Amino acid sequence: MSVNYRFIEATPDEVFAVLANGWLYPSWVVGASRMRDVDDAWPAEGARIFHSFGVWPFLINDSTSLLEWDPPHHMKIKARGWPIGEAHVTLDVKERRDGCVVRIREDAVRGPGRYIPGPLRQLMLHARNTETLQRLAFLAEGGATAN
């Protein structure tokens, strides 16, 4: 399992406002390239968002479902990216002075991605999630969900 941490100069509520907007998913998730639809129930547990990953014209359509939602502290999703497989991704947010610390944990749970040796899989996920948290920070700190 890959684990990354990042201090974000935003409140946990501001981070969760980004996570609650399913249409922002490809703005912070590395690899997601566009949104196709968001369940009306998002961000309720069991709701799904429908995205594509890859680069045009080689786009693959798939979905992500919300497994656990406890704002502004915890979110767990099942991200699908077939033919690579599925991963569980957990974000935990803890308030800190002048902001918060976000921890992201991710690992493959199904499909061919599970068979990549653990140390190599962790290295790849760690690099990807470093950028994912950078993007999430830009959105939360920049007020992406402000009205």
C-alpha atoms as a PDB file:
ATOM      1  CA  MET A   1       0.000   0.000   0.000  1.00  0.00           C
ATOM      2  CA  SER A   2       1.236   3.444  -0.914  1.00  0.00           C
ATOM      3  CA  VAL A   3       0.868   6.248   1.642  1.00  0.00           C
ATOM      4  CA  ASN A   4       1.424   9.958   0.979  1.00  0.00           C
ATOM      5  CA  TYR A   5       0.971  13.016   3.213  1.00  0.00           C
ATOM      6  CA  ARG A   6       0.635  16.694   2.360  1.00  0.00           C
ATOM      7  CA  PHE A   7       0.019  19.837   4.357  1.00  0.00           C
ATOM      8  CA  ILE A   8      -2.650  21.973   2.678  1.00  0.00           C
ATOM      9  CA  GLU A   9      -3.284  25.598   3.575  1.00  0.00           C
ATOM     10  CA  ALA A  10      -7.047  25.104   3.653  1.00  0.00           C
ATOM     11  CA  THR A  11      -9.552  23.860   6.178  1.00  0.00           C
ATOM     12  CA  PRO A  12     -10.752  20.249   6.152  1.00  0.00           C
ATOM     13  CA  ASP A  13     -14.151  21.595   5.041  1.00  0.00           C
ATOM     14  CA  GLU A  14     -12.538  23.283   2.030  1.00  0.00           C
ATOM     15  CA  VAL A  15     -10.762  20.043   1.083  1.00  0.00           C
ATOM     16  CA  PHE A  16     -14.003  18.097   1.402  1.00  0.00           C
ATOM     17  CA  ALA A  17     -15.857  20.680  -0.670  1.00  0.00           C
ATOM     18  CA  VAL A  18     -13.521  19.736  -3.540  1.00  0.00           C
ATOM     19  CA  LEU A  19     -14.018  16.014  -2.906  1.00  0.00           C
ATOM     20  CA  ALA A  20     -17.800  16.471  -2.717  1.00  0.00           C
ATOM     21  CA  ASN A  21     -17.891  17.945  -6.226  1.00  0.00           C
ATOM     22  CA  GLY A  22     -17.690  14.867  -8.444  1.00  0.00           C
ATOM     23  CA  TRP A  23     -17.208  17.021 -11.530  1.00  0.00           C
ATOM     24  CA  LEU A  24     -13.792  18.095 -10.172  1.00  0.00           C
ATOM     25  CA  TYR A  25     -12.492  14.498 -10.016  1.00  0.00           C
ATOM     26  CA  PRO A  26     -10.234  14.704 -13.112  1.00  0.00           C
ATOM     27  CA  SER A  27      -8.854  18.010 -11.842  1.00  0.00           C
ATOM     28  CA  TRP A  28      -7.202  16.358  -8.858  1.00  0.00           C
ATOM     29  CA  VAL A  29      -6.869  12.665  -9.783  1.00  0.00           C
ATOM     30  CA  VAL A  30      -3.830  11.926 -11.919  1.00  0.00           C
ATOM     31  CA  GLY A  31      -4.822   9.749 -14.864  1.00  0.00           C
ATOM     32  CA  ALA A  32      -8.487  10.759 -14.995  1.00  0.00           C
ATOM     33  CA  SER A  33      -8.924  12.816 -18.127  1.00  0.00           C
ATOM     34  CA  ARG A  34     -12.607  13.764 -18.259  1.00  0.00           C
ATOM     35  CA  MET A  35     -15.948  13.389 -16.510  1.00  0.00           C
ATOM     36  CA  ARG A  36     -18.951  11.857 -18.245  1.00  0.00           C
ATOM     37  CA  ASP A  37     -21.533  11.914 -15.449  1.00  0.00           C
ATOM     38  CA  VAL A  38     -22.012  12.147 -11.688  1.00  0.00           C
ATOM     39  CA  ASP A  39     -24.768  10.344  -9.780  1.00  0.00           C
ATOM     40  CA  ASP A  40     -27.270  12.797  -8.300  1.00  0.00           C
ATOM     41  CA  ALA A  41     -26.620  11.150  -4.917  1.00  0.00           C
ATOM     42  CA  TRP A  42     -22.866  11.966  -4.968  1.00  0.00           C
ATOM     43  CA  PRO A  43     -21.229  12.139  -2.398  1.00  0.00           C
ATOM     44  CA  ALA A  44     -23.483   9.623  -0.634  1.00  0.00           C
ATOM     45  CA  GLU A  45     -22.038   6.180   0.049  1.00  0.00           C
ATOM     46  CA  GLY A  46     -22.700   3.899  -2.918  1.00  0.00           C
ATOM     47  CA  ALA A  47     -22.920   6.777  -5.417  1.00  0.00           C
ATOM     48  CA  ARG A  48     -20.742   6.692  -8.528  1.00  0.00           C
ATOM     49  CA  ILE A  49     -18.985   9.080 -10.809  1.00  0.00           C
ATOM     50  CA  PHE A  50     -18.293   8.192 -14.423  1.00  0.00           C
ATOM     51  CA  HIS A  51     -14.948   9.236 -15.853  1.00  0.00           C
ATOM     52  CA  SER A  52     -12.476   8.385 -18.574  1.00  0.00           C
ATOM     53  CA  PHE A  53      -8.765   7.853 -18.258  1.00  0.00           C
ATOM     54  CA  GLY A  54      -5.983   7.895 -20.780  1.00  0.00           C
ATOM     55  CA  VAL A  55      -5.219  10.284 -23.610  1.00  0.00           C
ATOM     56  CA  TRP A  56      -7.428  10.884 -26.614  1.00  0.00           C
ATOM     57  CA  PRO A  57      -7.991   8.913 -28.817  1.00  0.00           C
ATOM     58  CA  PHE A  58      -7.059   6.124 -26.379  1.00  0.00           C
ATOM     59  CA  LEU A  59      -9.652   6.837 -23.691  1.00  0.00           C
ATOM     60  CA  ILE A  60     -11.191   4.155 -21.526  1.00  0.00           C
ATOM     61  CA  ASN A  61     -14.517   4.832 -19.807  1.00  0.00           C
ATOM     62  CA  ASP A  62     -14.971   3.602 -16.261  1.00  0.00           C
ATOM     63  CA  SER A  63     -16.376   4.622 -12.878  1.00  0.00           C
ATOM     64  CA  THR A  64     -15.477   5.279  -9.264  1.00  0.00           C
ATOM     65  CA  SER A  65     -17.784   4.485  -6.358  1.00  0.00           C
ATOM     66  CA  LEU A  66     -17.912   6.033  -2.932  1.00  0.00           C
ATOM     67  CA  LEU A  67     -17.448   3.416  -0.204  1.00  0.00           C
ATOM     68  CA  GLU A  68     -17.160   5.605   2.901  1.00  0.00           C
ATOM     69  CA  TRP A  69     -17.974   9.292   3.419  1.00  0.00           C
ATOM     70  CA  ASP A  70     -17.400  11.032   6.757  1.00  0.00           C
ATOM     71  CA  PRO A  71     -16.740  14.725   6.034  1.00  0.00           C
ATOM     72  CA  PRO A  72     -14.568  16.552   6.791  1.00  0.00           C
ATOM     73  CA  HIS A  73     -12.300  13.727   7.946  1.00  0.00           C
ATOM     74  CA  HIS A  74     -12.532  10.555   5.863  1.00  0.00           C
ATOM     75  CA  MET A  75     -13.366   9.309   2.374  1.00  0.00           C
ATOM     76  CA  LYS A  76     -12.825   5.898   0.786  1.00  0.00           C
ATOM     77  CA  ILE A  77     -13.463   5.164  -2.889  1.00  0.00           C
ATOM     78  CA  LYS A  78     -13.161   2.207  -5.209  1.00  0.00           C
ATOM     79  CA  ALA A  79     -11.489   3.551  -8.335  1.00  0.00           C
ATOM     80  CA  ARG A  80     -11.909   1.434 -11.432  1.00  0.00           C
ATOM     81  CA  GLY A  81      -9.519   1.599 -14.345  1.00  0.00           C
ATOM     82  CA  TRP A  82      -9.958  -1.525 -16.385  1.00  0.00           C
ATOM     83  CA  PRO A  83      -8.089  -3.258 -17.949  1.00  0.00           C
ATOM     84  CA  ILE A  84      -5.575  -2.322 -15.219  1.00  0.00           C
ATOM     85  CA  GLY A  85      -8.022  -3.153 -12.433  1.00  0.00           C
ATOM     86  CA  GLU A  86      -9.463  -1.580  -9.317  1.00  0.00           C
ATOM     87  CA  ALA A  87      -7.968   0.204  -6.326  1.00  0.00           C
ATOM     88  CA  HIS A  88      -9.163   1.305  -2.936  1.00  0.00           C
ATOM     89  CA  VAL A  89      -8.177   4.896  -2.196  1.00  0.00           C
ATOM     90  CA  THR A  90      -8.606   6.425   1.254  1.00  0.00           C
ATOM     91  CA  LEU A  91      -8.201  10.098   2.120  1.00  0.00           C
ATOM     92  CA  ASP A  92      -7.978  11.148   5.761  1.00  0.00           C
ATOM     93  CA  VAL A  93      -7.856  14.816   6.725  1.00  0.00           C
ATOM     94  CA  LYS A  94      -6.691  16.192  10.070  1.00  0.00           C
ATOM     95  CA  GLU A  95      -6.890  19.834  11.031  1.00  0.00           C
ATOM     96  CA  ARG A  96      -3.593  21.542  11.789  1.00  0.00           C
ATOM     97  CA  ARG A  97      -2.666  25.095  12.571  1.00  0.00           C
ATOM     98  CA  ASP A  98      -3.259  27.223   9.460  1.00  0.00           C
ATOM     99  CA  GLY A  99      -4.581  24.282   7.439  1.00  0.00           C
ATOM    100  CA  CYS A 100      -4.753  20.521   7.459  1.00  0.00           C
ATOM    101  CA  VAL A 101      -2.768  17.388   6.692  1.00  0.00           C
ATOM    102  CA  VAL A 102      -4.179  15.035   4.079  1.00  0.00           C
ATOM    103  CA  ARG A 103      -3.125  11.406   3.978  1.00  0.00           C
ATOM    104  CA  ILE A 104      -3.872   9.341   0.893  1.00  0.00           C
ATOM    105  CA  ARG A 105      -3.557   5.558   0.946  1.00  0.00           C
ATOM    106  CA  GLU A 106      -3.976   3.490  -2.199  1.00  0.00           C
ATOM    107  CA  ASP A 107      -3.514  -0.065  -3.324  1.00  0.00           C
ATOM    108  CA  ALA A 108      -4.747  -2.337  -6.082  1.00  0.00           C
ATOM    109  CA  VAL A 109      -7.491  -4.701  -4.936  1.00  0.00           C
ATOM    110  CA  ARG A 110      -8.532  -6.422  -8.168  1.00  0.00           C
ATOM    111  CA  GLY A 111      -7.205  -7.057 -11.648  1.00  0.00           C
ATOM    112  CA  PRO A 112      -3.757  -7.228 -13.230  1.00  0.00           C
ATOM    113  CA  GLY A 113      -2.461  -4.258 -11.210  1.00  0.00           C
ATOM    114  CA  ARG A 114      -2.458  -6.503  -8.124  1.00  0.00           C
ATOM    115  CA  TYR A 115       0.246  -8.653  -9.685  1.00  0.00           C
ATOM    116  CA  ILE A 116       2.788  -5.859 -10.042  1.00  0.00           C
ATOM    117  CA  PRO A 117       5.362  -6.555  -7.303  1.00  0.00           C
ATOM    118  CA  GLY A 118       4.515  -4.588  -4.152  1.00  0.00           C
ATOM    119  CA  PRO A 119       7.622  -2.367  -3.986  1.00  0.00           C
ATOM    120  CA  LEU A 120       7.289  -1.363  -7.657  1.00  0.00           C
ATOM    121  CA  ARG A 121       3.525  -0.784  -7.318  1.00  0.00           C
ATOM    122  CA  GLN A 122       4.104   1.366  -4.218  1.00  0.00           C
ATOM    123  CA  LEU A 123       6.764   3.399  -5.997  1.00  0.00           C
ATOM    124  CA  MET A 124       4.453   4.131  -8.946  1.00  0.00           C
ATOM    125  CA  LEU A 125       1.467   4.956  -6.716  1.00  0.00           C
ATOM    126  CA  HIS A 126       3.590   7.158  -4.448  1.00  0.00           C
ATOM    127  CA  ALA A 127       4.769   9.257  -7.405  1.00  0.00           C
ATOM    128  CA  ARG A 128       1.245   9.550  -8.808  1.00  0.00           C
ATOM    129  CA  ASN A 129      -0.292  10.468  -5.452  1.00  0.00           C
ATOM    130  CA  THR A 130       2.341  13.117  -4.772  1.00  0.00           C
ATOM    131  CA  GLU A 131       0.955  14.929  -7.811  1.00  0.00           C
ATOM    132  CA  THR A 132      -2.642  14.051  -6.864  1.00  0.00           C
ATOM    133  CA  LEU A 133      -2.226  15.781  -3.488  1.00  0.00           C
ATOM    134  CA  GLN A 134      -0.540  18.764  -5.174  1.00  0.00           C
ATOM    135  CA  ARG A 135      -3.575  19.170  -7.426  1.00  0.00           C
ATOM    136  CA  LEU A 136      -5.992  18.756  -4.517  1.00  0.00           C
ATOM    137  CA  ALA A 137      -4.050  21.452  -2.646  1.00  0.00           C
ATOM    138  CA  PHE A 138      -4.260  23.853  -5.604  1.00  0.00           C
ATOM    139  CA  LEU A 139      -8.043  23.393  -5.771  1.00  0.00           C
ATOM    140  CA  ALA A 140      -8.713  23.648  -2.029  1.00  0.00           C
ATOM    141  CA  GLU A 141      -6.317  26.537  -1.422  1.00  0.00           C
ATOM    142  CA  GLY A 142      -7.554  28.354  -4.505  1.00  0.00           C
ATOM    143  CA  GLY A 143     -11.201  28.152  -3.488  1.00  0.00           C
ATOM    144  CA  ALA A 144     -12.295  25.984  -6.422  1.00  0.00           C
ATOM    145  CA  THR A 145     -15.704  25.421  -4.862  1.00  0.00           C
ATOM    146  CA  ALA A 146     -16.338  28.969  -3.614  1.00  0.00           C
ATOM    147  CA  ASN A 147     -19.572  30.498  -4.842  1.00  0.00           C
END
